[in-house]
């Protein structure tokens, strides 16, 4: 429980919007999987990106590294 709360509290509003967008893309891939080639690969990439957003937000919050903080807000 503490592990989950730490990751969720480290997210900014922009991170939540980005994660919701990736979830929306996953839903579109699942709905139209018959028309999309390599839909499973696109879903895997989106899941990896969601994990990266969580990891980057948590790491940027813990450290005082200017470059890491800038990269955290660069992908938005």
PDB file of N, CA and C in Angstrom:
ATOM      1  N   UNK A   1       0.813  -1.187   0.000  1.00  0.00           N
ATOM      2  CA  UNK A   1       0.000   0.000   0.000  1.00  0.00           C
ATOM      3  C   UNK A   1       0.859   1.255   0.000  1.00  0.00           C
ATOM      4  N   UNK A   2       1.909   1.246   0.820  1.00  0.00           N
ATOM      5  CA  UNK A   2       2.798   2.402   0.868  1.00  0.00           C
ATOM      6  C   UNK A   2       3.513   2.558  -0.464  1.00  0.00           C
ATOM      7  N   UNK A   3       3.903   1.445  -1.058  1.00  0.00           N
ATOM      8  CA  UNK A   3       4.588   1.477  -2.352  1.00  0.00           C
ATOM      9  C   UNK A   3       3.709   2.135  -3.408  1.00  0.00           C
ATOM     10  N   UNK A   4       2.433   1.780  -3.433  1.00  0.00           N
ATOM     11  CA  UNK A   4       1.504   2.332  -4.418  1.00  0.00           C
ATOM     12  C   UNK A   4       1.268   3.817  -4.168  1.00  0.00           C
ATOM     13  N   UNK A   5       1.089   4.209  -2.919  1.00  0.00           N
ATOM     14  CA  UNK A   5       0.838   5.610  -2.602  1.00  0.00           C
ATOM     15  C   UNK A   5       2.023   6.492  -2.957  1.00  0.00           C
ATOM     16  N   UNK A   6       3.227   5.984  -2.772  1.00  0.00           N
ATOM     17  CA  UNK A   6       4.413   6.773  -3.083  1.00  0.00           C
ATOM     18  C   UNK A   6       4.486   7.081  -4.576  1.00  0.00           C
ATOM     19  N   UNK A   7       4.158   6.100  -5.405  1.00  0.00           N
ATOM     20  CA  UNK A   7       4.208   6.318  -6.845  1.00  0.00           C
ATOM     21  C   UNK A   7       3.095   7.240  -7.313  1.00  0.00           C
ATOM     22  N   UNK A   8       1.924   7.124  -6.730  1.00  0.00           N
ATOM     23  CA  UNK A   8       0.805   7.964  -7.152  1.00  0.00           C
ATOM     24  C   UNK A   8       1.009   9.403  -6.702  1.00  0.00           C
ATOM     25  N   UNK A   9       1.533   9.608  -5.511  1.00  0.00           N
ATOM     26  CA  UNK A   9       1.750  10.967  -5.006  1.00  0.00           C
ATOM     27  C   UNK A   9       2.848  11.695  -5.767  1.00  0.00           C
ATOM     28  N   UNK A  10       3.733  10.978  -6.403  1.00  0.00           N
ATOM     29  CA  UNK A  10       4.817  11.625  -7.137  1.00  0.00           C
ATOM     30  C   UNK A  10       4.376  12.125  -8.509  1.00  0.00           C
ATOM     31  N   UNK A  11       3.164  11.775  -8.941  1.00  0.00           N
ATOM     32  CA  UNK A  11       2.677  12.195 -10.258  1.00  0.00           C
ATOM     33  C   UNK A  11       2.160  13.628 -10.219  1.00  0.00           C
ATOM     34  N   UNK A  12       2.490  14.381 -11.253  1.00  0.00           N
ATOM     35  CA  UNK A  12       1.916  15.716 -11.400  1.00  0.00           C
ATOM     36  C   UNK A  12       0.654  15.605 -12.251  1.00  0.00           C
ATOM     37  N   UNK A  13      -0.015  16.731 -12.420  1.00  0.00           N
ATOM     38  CA  UNK A  13      -1.226  16.729 -13.241  1.00  0.00           C
ATOM     39  C   UNK A  13      -0.903  16.362 -14.686  1.00  0.00           C
ATOM     40  N   UNK A  14       0.221  16.840 -15.171  1.00  0.00           N
ATOM     41  CA  UNK A  14       0.630  16.527 -16.545  1.00  0.00           C
ATOM     42  C   UNK A  14       0.902  15.037 -16.710  1.00  0.00           C
ATOM     43  N   UNK A  15       1.495  14.422 -15.700  1.00  0.00           N
ATOM     44  CA  UNK A  15       1.747  12.981 -15.751  1.00  0.00           C
ATOM     45  C   UNK A  15       0.443  12.199 -15.820  1.00  0.00           C
ATOM     46  N   UNK A  16      -0.542  12.625 -15.059  1.00  0.00           N
ATOM     47  CA  UNK A  16      -1.837  11.941 -15.064  1.00  0.00           C
ATOM     48  C   UNK A  16      -2.504  12.065 -16.425  1.00  0.00           C
ATOM     49  N   UNK A  17      -2.402  13.241 -17.039  1.00  0.00           N
ATOM     50  CA  UNK A  17      -2.978  13.430 -18.379  1.00  0.00           C
ATOM     51  C   UNK A  17      -2.277  12.531 -19.389  1.00  0.00           C
ATOM     52  N   UNK A  18      -0.961  12.440 -19.307  1.00  0.00           N
ATOM     53  CA  UNK A  18      -0.198  11.595 -20.231  1.00  0.00           C
ATOM     54  C   UNK A  18      -0.576  10.127 -20.047  1.00  0.00           C
ATOM     55  N   UNK A  19      -0.704   9.687 -18.812  1.00  0.00           N
ATOM     56  CA  UNK A  19      -1.078   8.297 -18.545  1.00  0.00           C
ATOM     57  C   UNK A  19      -2.484   8.013 -19.052  1.00  0.00           C
ATOM     58  N   UNK A  20      -3.408   8.946 -18.839  1.00  0.00           N
ATOM     59  CA  UNK A  20      -4.777   8.769 -19.348  1.00  0.00           C
ATOM     60  C   UNK A  20      -4.793   8.704 -20.868  1.00  0.00           C
ATOM     61  N   UNK A  21      -3.944   9.484 -21.521  1.00  0.00           N
ATOM     62  CA  UNK A  21      -3.864   9.438 -22.979  1.00  0.00           C
ATOM     63  C   UNK A  21      -3.354   8.080 -23.453  1.00  0.00           C
ATOM     64  N   UNK A  22      -2.339   7.545 -22.786  1.00  0.00           N
ATOM     65  CA  UNK A  22      -1.832   6.225 -23.165  1.00  0.00           C
ATOM     66  C   UNK A  22      -2.882   5.138 -22.931  1.00  0.00           C
ATOM     67  N   UNK A  23      -3.654   5.265 -21.865  1.00  0.00           N
ATOM     68  CA  UNK A  23      -4.738   4.308 -21.618  1.00  0.00           C
ATOM     69  C   UNK A  23      -5.796   4.427 -22.706  1.00  0.00           C
ATOM     70  N   UNK A  24      -6.084   5.653 -23.138  1.00  0.00           N
ATOM     71  CA  UNK A  24      -7.023   5.867 -24.241  1.00  0.00           C
ATOM     72  C   UNK A  24      -6.511   5.206 -25.520  1.00  0.00           C
ATOM     73  N   UNK A  25      -5.213   5.335 -25.788  1.00  0.00           N
ATOM     74  CA  UNK A  25      -4.637   4.690 -26.972  1.00  0.00           C
ATOM     75  C   UNK A  25      -4.710   3.169 -26.871  1.00  0.00           C
ATOM     76  N   UNK A  26      -4.499   2.634 -25.682  1.00  0.00           N
ATOM     77  CA  UNK A  26      -4.632   1.191 -25.488  1.00  0.00           C
ATOM     78  C   UNK A  26      -6.061   0.753 -25.767  1.00  0.00           C
ATOM     79  N   UNK A  27      -7.027   1.528 -25.282  1.00  0.00           N
ATOM     80  CA  UNK A  27      -8.438   1.188 -25.523  1.00  0.00           C
ATOM     81  C   UNK A  27      -8.761   1.221 -27.013  1.00  0.00           C
ATOM     82  N   UNK A  28      -8.248   2.219 -27.723  1.00  0.00           N
ATOM     83  CA  UNK A  28      -8.475   2.281 -29.174  1.00  0.00           C
ATOM     84  C   UNK A  28      -7.855   1.084 -29.885  1.00  0.00           C
ATOM     85  N   UNK A  29      -6.665   0.694 -29.457  1.00  0.00           N
ATOM     86  CA  UNK A  29      -6.021  -0.477 -30.058  1.00  0.00           C
ATOM     87  C   UNK A  29      -6.818  -1.744 -29.808  1.00  0.00           C
ATOM     88  N   UNK A  30      -7.394  -1.860 -28.624  1.00  0.00           N
ATOM     89  CA  UNK A  30      -8.198  -3.048 -28.322  1.00  0.00           C
ATOM     90  C   UNK A  30      -9.516  -3.050 -29.090  1.00  0.00           C
ATOM     91  N   UNK A  31     -10.116  -1.880 -29.249  1.00  0.00           N
ATOM     92  CA  UNK A  31     -11.391  -1.800 -29.967  1.00  0.00           C
ATOM     93  C   UNK A  31     -11.205  -2.097 -31.453  1.00  0.00           C
ATOM     94  N   UNK A  32     -10.162  -1.520 -32.047  1.00  0.00           N
ATOM     95  CA  UNK A  32      -9.945  -1.655 -33.490  1.00  0.00           C
ATOM     96  C   UNK A  32      -8.799  -2.610 -33.816  1.00  0.00           C
ATOM     97  N   UNK A  33      -8.615  -3.640 -33.006  1.00  0.00           N
ATOM     98  CA  UNK A  33      -7.481  -4.542 -33.211  1.00  0.00           C
ATOM     99  C   UNK A  33      -7.551  -5.294 -34.542  1.00  0.00           C
ATOM    100  N   UNK A  34      -8.741  -5.441 -35.112  1.00  0.00           N
ATOM    101  CA  UNK A  34      -8.852  -6.145 -36.393  1.00  0.00           C
ATOM    102  C   UNK A  34      -8.314  -5.305 -37.551  1.00  0.00           C
ATOM    103  N   UNK A  35      -8.307  -4.010 -37.393  1.00  0.00           N
ATOM    104  CA  UNK A  35      -7.850  -3.120 -38.465  1.00  0.00           C
ATOM    105  C   UNK A  35      -6.408  -2.650 -38.292  1.00  0.00           C
ATOM    106  N   UNK A  36      -5.848  -2.839 -37.118  1.00  0.00           N
ATOM    107  CA  UNK A  36      -4.513  -2.327 -36.819  1.00  0.00           C
ATOM    108  C   UNK A  36      -3.519  -3.479 -36.849  1.00  0.00           C
ATOM    109  N   UNK A  37      -2.525  -3.339 -37.711  1.00  0.00           N
ATOM    110  CA  UNK A  37      -1.455  -4.328 -37.735  1.00  0.00           C
ATOM    111  C   UNK A  37      -0.549  -4.089 -36.531  1.00  0.00           C
ATOM    112  N   UNK A  38      -0.073  -5.154 -35.953  1.00  0.00           N
ATOM    113  CA  UNK A  38       0.826  -5.102 -34.794  1.00  0.00           C
ATOM    114  C   UNK A  38       0.214  -4.352 -33.617  1.00  0.00           C
ATOM    115  N   UNK A  39      -1.072  -4.529 -33.390  1.00  0.00           N
ATOM    116  CA  UNK A  39      -1.744  -3.841 -32.293  1.00  0.00           C
ATOM    117  C   UNK A  39      -1.190  -4.263 -30.948  1.00  0.00           C
ATOM    118  N   UNK A  40      -0.782  -5.504 -30.831  1.00  0.00           N
ATOM    119  CA  UNK A  40      -0.228  -5.998 -29.570  1.00  0.00           C
ATOM    120  C   UNK A  40       1.094  -5.318 -29.252  1.00  0.00           C
ATOM    121  N   UNK A  41       1.869  -5.009 -30.290  1.00  0.00           N
ATOM    122  CA  UNK A  41       3.127  -4.301 -30.091  1.00  0.00           C
ATOM    123  C   UNK A  41       2.872  -2.868 -29.631  1.00  0.00           C
ATOM    124  N   UNK A  42       1.866  -2.227 -30.203  1.00  0.00           N
ATOM    125  CA  UNK A  42       1.522  -0.867 -29.797  1.00  0.00           C
ATOM    126  C   UNK A  42       1.036  -0.828 -28.349  1.00  0.00           C
ATOM    127  N   UNK A  43       0.285  -1.830 -27.951  1.00  0.00           N
ATOM    128  CA  UNK A  43      -0.174  -1.897 -26.562  1.00  0.00           C
ATOM    129  C   UNK A  43       1.013  -2.095 -25.625  1.00  0.00           C
ATOM    130  N   UNK A  44       1.943  -2.943 -26.012  1.00  0.00           N
ATOM    131  CA  UNK A  44       3.133  -3.172 -25.187  1.00  0.00           C
ATOM    132  C   UNK A  44       3.958  -1.898 -25.042  1.00  0.00           C
ATOM    133  N   UNK A  45       4.112  -1.156 -26.129  1.00  0.00           N
ATOM    134  CA  UNK A  45       4.860   0.105 -26.078  1.00  0.00           C
ATOM    135  C   UNK A  45       4.161   1.101 -25.161  1.00  0.00           C
ATOM    136  N   UNK A  46       2.841   1.184 -25.244  1.00  0.00           N
ATOM    137  CA  UNK A  46       2.102   2.104 -24.381  1.00  0.00           C
ATOM    138  C   UNK A  46       2.233   1.722 -22.908  1.00  0.00           C
ATOM    139  N   UNK A  47       2.210   0.442 -22.616  1.00  0.00           N
ATOM    140  CA  UNK A  47       2.377   0.002 -21.228  1.00  0.00           C
ATOM    141  C   UNK A  47       3.779   0.332 -20.729  1.00  0.00           C
ATOM    142  N   UNK A  48       4.777   0.133 -21.570  1.00  0.00           N
ATOM    143  CA  UNK A  48       6.150   0.482 -21.197  1.00  0.00           C
ATOM    144  C   UNK A  48       6.271   1.981 -20.956  1.00  0.00           C
ATOM    145  N   UNK A  49       5.611   2.791 -21.776  1.00  0.00           N
ATOM    146  CA  UNK A  49       5.655   4.238 -21.582  1.00  0.00           C
ATOM    147  C   UNK A  49       4.953   4.661 -20.294  1.00  0.00           C
ATOM    148  N   UNK A  50       3.870   3.998 -19.944  1.00  0.00           N
ATOM    149  CA  UNK A  50       3.188   4.299 -18.680  1.00  0.00           C
ATOM    150  C   UNK A  50       4.107   3.983 -17.497  1.00  0.00           C
ATOM    151  N   UNK A  51       4.782   2.850 -17.559  1.00  0.00           N
ATOM    152  CA  UNK A  51       5.728   2.487 -16.498  1.00  0.00           C
ATOM    153  C   UNK A  51       6.866   3.501 -16.439  1.00  0.00           C
ATOM    154  N   UNK A  52       7.334   3.958 -17.595  1.00  0.00           N
ATOM    155  CA  UNK A  52       8.408   4.950 -17.636  1.00  0.00           C
ATOM    156  C   UNK A  52       7.963   6.273 -17.018  1.00  0.00           C
ATOM    157  N   UNK A  53       6.721   6.669 -17.246  1.00  0.00           N
ATOM    158  CA  UNK A  53       6.211   7.909 -16.648  1.00  0.00           C
ATOM    159  C   UNK A  53       6.200   7.785 -15.128  1.00  0.00           C
ATOM    160  N   UNK A  54       5.709   6.654 -14.607  1.00  0.00           N
ATOM    161  CA  UNK A  54       5.718   6.439 -13.159  1.00  0.00           C
ATOM    162  C   UNK A  54       7.143   6.467 -12.609  1.00  0.00           C
ATOM    163  N   UNK A  55       8.046   5.757 -13.271  1.00  0.00           N
ATOM    164  CA  UNK A  55       9.429   5.688 -12.806  1.00  0.00           C
ATOM    165  C   UNK A  55      10.105   7.051 -12.858  1.00  0.00           C
ATOM    166  N   UNK A  56       9.920   7.769 -13.951  1.00  0.00           N
ATOM    167  CA  UNK A  56      10.568   9.070 -14.107  1.00  0.00           C
ATOM    168  C   UNK A  56      10.013  10.084 -13.117  1.00  0.00           C
ATOM    169  N   UNK A  57       8.716  10.075 -12.881  1.00  0.00           N
ATOM    170  CA  UNK A  57       8.119  11.004 -11.915  1.00  0.00           C
ATOM    171  C   UNK A  57       8.631  10.720 -10.508  1.00  0.00           C
ATOM    172  N   UNK A  58       8.713   9.450 -10.164  1.00  0.00           N
ATOM    173  CA  UNK A  58       9.195   9.088  -8.832  1.00  0.00           C
ATOM    174  C   UNK A  58      10.667   9.431  -8.671  1.00  0.00           C
ATOM    175  N   UNK A  59      11.468   9.156  -9.671  1.00  0.00           N
ATOM    176  CA  UNK A  59      12.897   9.433  -9.599  1.00  0.00           C
ATOM    177  C   UNK A  59      13.167  10.930  -9.583  1.00  0.00           C
ATOM    178  N   UNK A  60      12.427  11.691 -10.371  1.00  0.00           N
ATOM    179  CA  UNK A  60      12.623  13.140 -10.408  1.00  0.00           C
ATOM    180  C   UNK A  60      12.216  13.786  -9.088  1.00  0.00           C
ATOM    181  N   UNK A  61      11.222  13.224  -8.426  1.00  0.00           N
ATOM    182  CA  UNK A  61      10.801  13.787  -7.141  1.00  0.00           C
ATOM    183  C   UNK A  61      11.828  13.517  -6.046  1.00  0.00           C
ATOM    184  N   UNK A  62      12.442  12.337  -6.087  1.00  0.00           N
ATOM    185  CA  UNK A  62      13.412  11.971  -5.056  1.00  0.00           C
ATOM    186  C   UNK A  62      14.727  12.732  -5.194  1.00  0.00           C
ATOM    187  N   UNK A  63      15.157  12.979  -6.416  1.00  0.00           N
ATOM    188  CA  UNK A  63      16.466  13.594  -6.624  1.00  0.00           C
ATOM    189  C   UNK A  63      16.318  15.093  -6.871  1.00  0.00           C
ATOM    190  N   UNK A  64      17.401  15.791  -6.680  1.00  0.00           N
ATOM    191  CA  UNK A  64      17.436  17.226  -6.952  1.00  0.00           C
ATOM    192  C   UNK A  64      18.210  17.516  -8.230  1.00  0.00           C
ATOM    193  N   UNK A  65      18.302  16.544  -9.101  1.00  0.00           N
ATOM    194  CA  UNK A  65      19.034  16.692 -10.346  1.00  0.00           C
ATOM    195  C   UNK A  65      18.235  17.563 -11.314  1.00  0.00           C
ATOM    196  N   UNK A  66      18.831  18.655 -11.759  1.00  0.00           N
ATOM    197  CA  UNK A  66      18.152  19.600 -12.645  1.00  0.00           C
ATOM    198  C   UNK A  66      17.863  18.955 -13.993  1.00  0.00           C
ATOM    199  N   UNK A  67      18.791  18.185 -14.512  1.00  0.00           N
ATOM    200  CA  UNK A  67      18.600  17.552 -15.817  1.00  0.00           C
ATOM    201  C   UNK A  67      17.460  16.529 -15.783  1.00  0.00           C
ATOM    202  N   UNK A  68      17.386  15.787 -14.709  1.00  0.00           N
ATOM    203  CA  UNK A  68      16.318  14.798 -14.576  1.00  0.00           C
ATOM    204  C   UNK A  68      14.956  15.477 -14.455  1.00  0.00           C
ATOM    205  N   UNK A  69      14.888  16.563 -13.703  1.00  0.00           N
ATOM    206  CA  UNK A  69      13.630  17.303 -13.587  1.00  0.00           C
ATOM    207  C   UNK A  69      13.220  17.912 -14.921  1.00  0.00           C
ATOM    208  N   UNK A  70      14.178  18.438 -15.665  1.00  0.00           N
ATOM    209  CA  UNK A  70      13.862  18.992 -16.984  1.00  0.00           C
ATOM    210  C   UNK A  70      13.389  17.904 -17.940  1.00  0.00           C
ATOM    211  N   UNK A  71      14.023  16.744 -17.912  1.00  0.00           N
ATOM    212  CA  UNK A  71      13.597  15.646 -18.781  1.00  0.00           C
ATOM    213  C   UNK A  71      12.216  15.141 -18.382  1.00  0.00           C
ATOM    214  N   UNK A  72      11.931  15.171 -17.094  1.00  0.00           N
ATOM    215  CA  UNK A  72      10.617  14.738 -16.607  1.00  0.00           C
ATOM    216  C   UNK A  72       9.508  15.586 -17.216  1.00  0.00           C
ATOM    217  N   UNK A  73       9.722  16.879 -17.342  1.00  0.00           N
ATOM    218  CA  UNK A  73       8.695  17.742 -17.913  1.00  0.00           C
ATOM    219  C   UNK A  73       8.866  17.952 -19.413  1.00  0.00           C
ATOM    220  N   UNK A  74       9.930  17.391 -19.984  1.00  0.00           N
ATOM    221  CA  UNK A  74      10.156  17.544 -21.424  1.00  0.00           C
ATOM    222  C   UNK A  74       9.183  16.705 -22.244  1.00  0.00           C
ATOM    223  N   UNK A  75       8.888  15.496 -21.809  1.00  0.00           N
ATOM    224  CA  UNK A  75       8.046  14.610 -22.610  1.00  0.00           C
ATOM    225  C   UNK A  75       6.606  15.076 -22.659  1.00  0.00           C
ATOM    226  N   UNK A  76       6.210  15.969 -21.772  1.00  0.00           N
ATOM    227  CA  UNK A  76       4.837  16.488 -21.786  1.00  0.00           C
ATOM    228  C   UNK A  76       4.754  17.445 -22.931  1.00  0.00           C
TER     229      UNK A  76
END
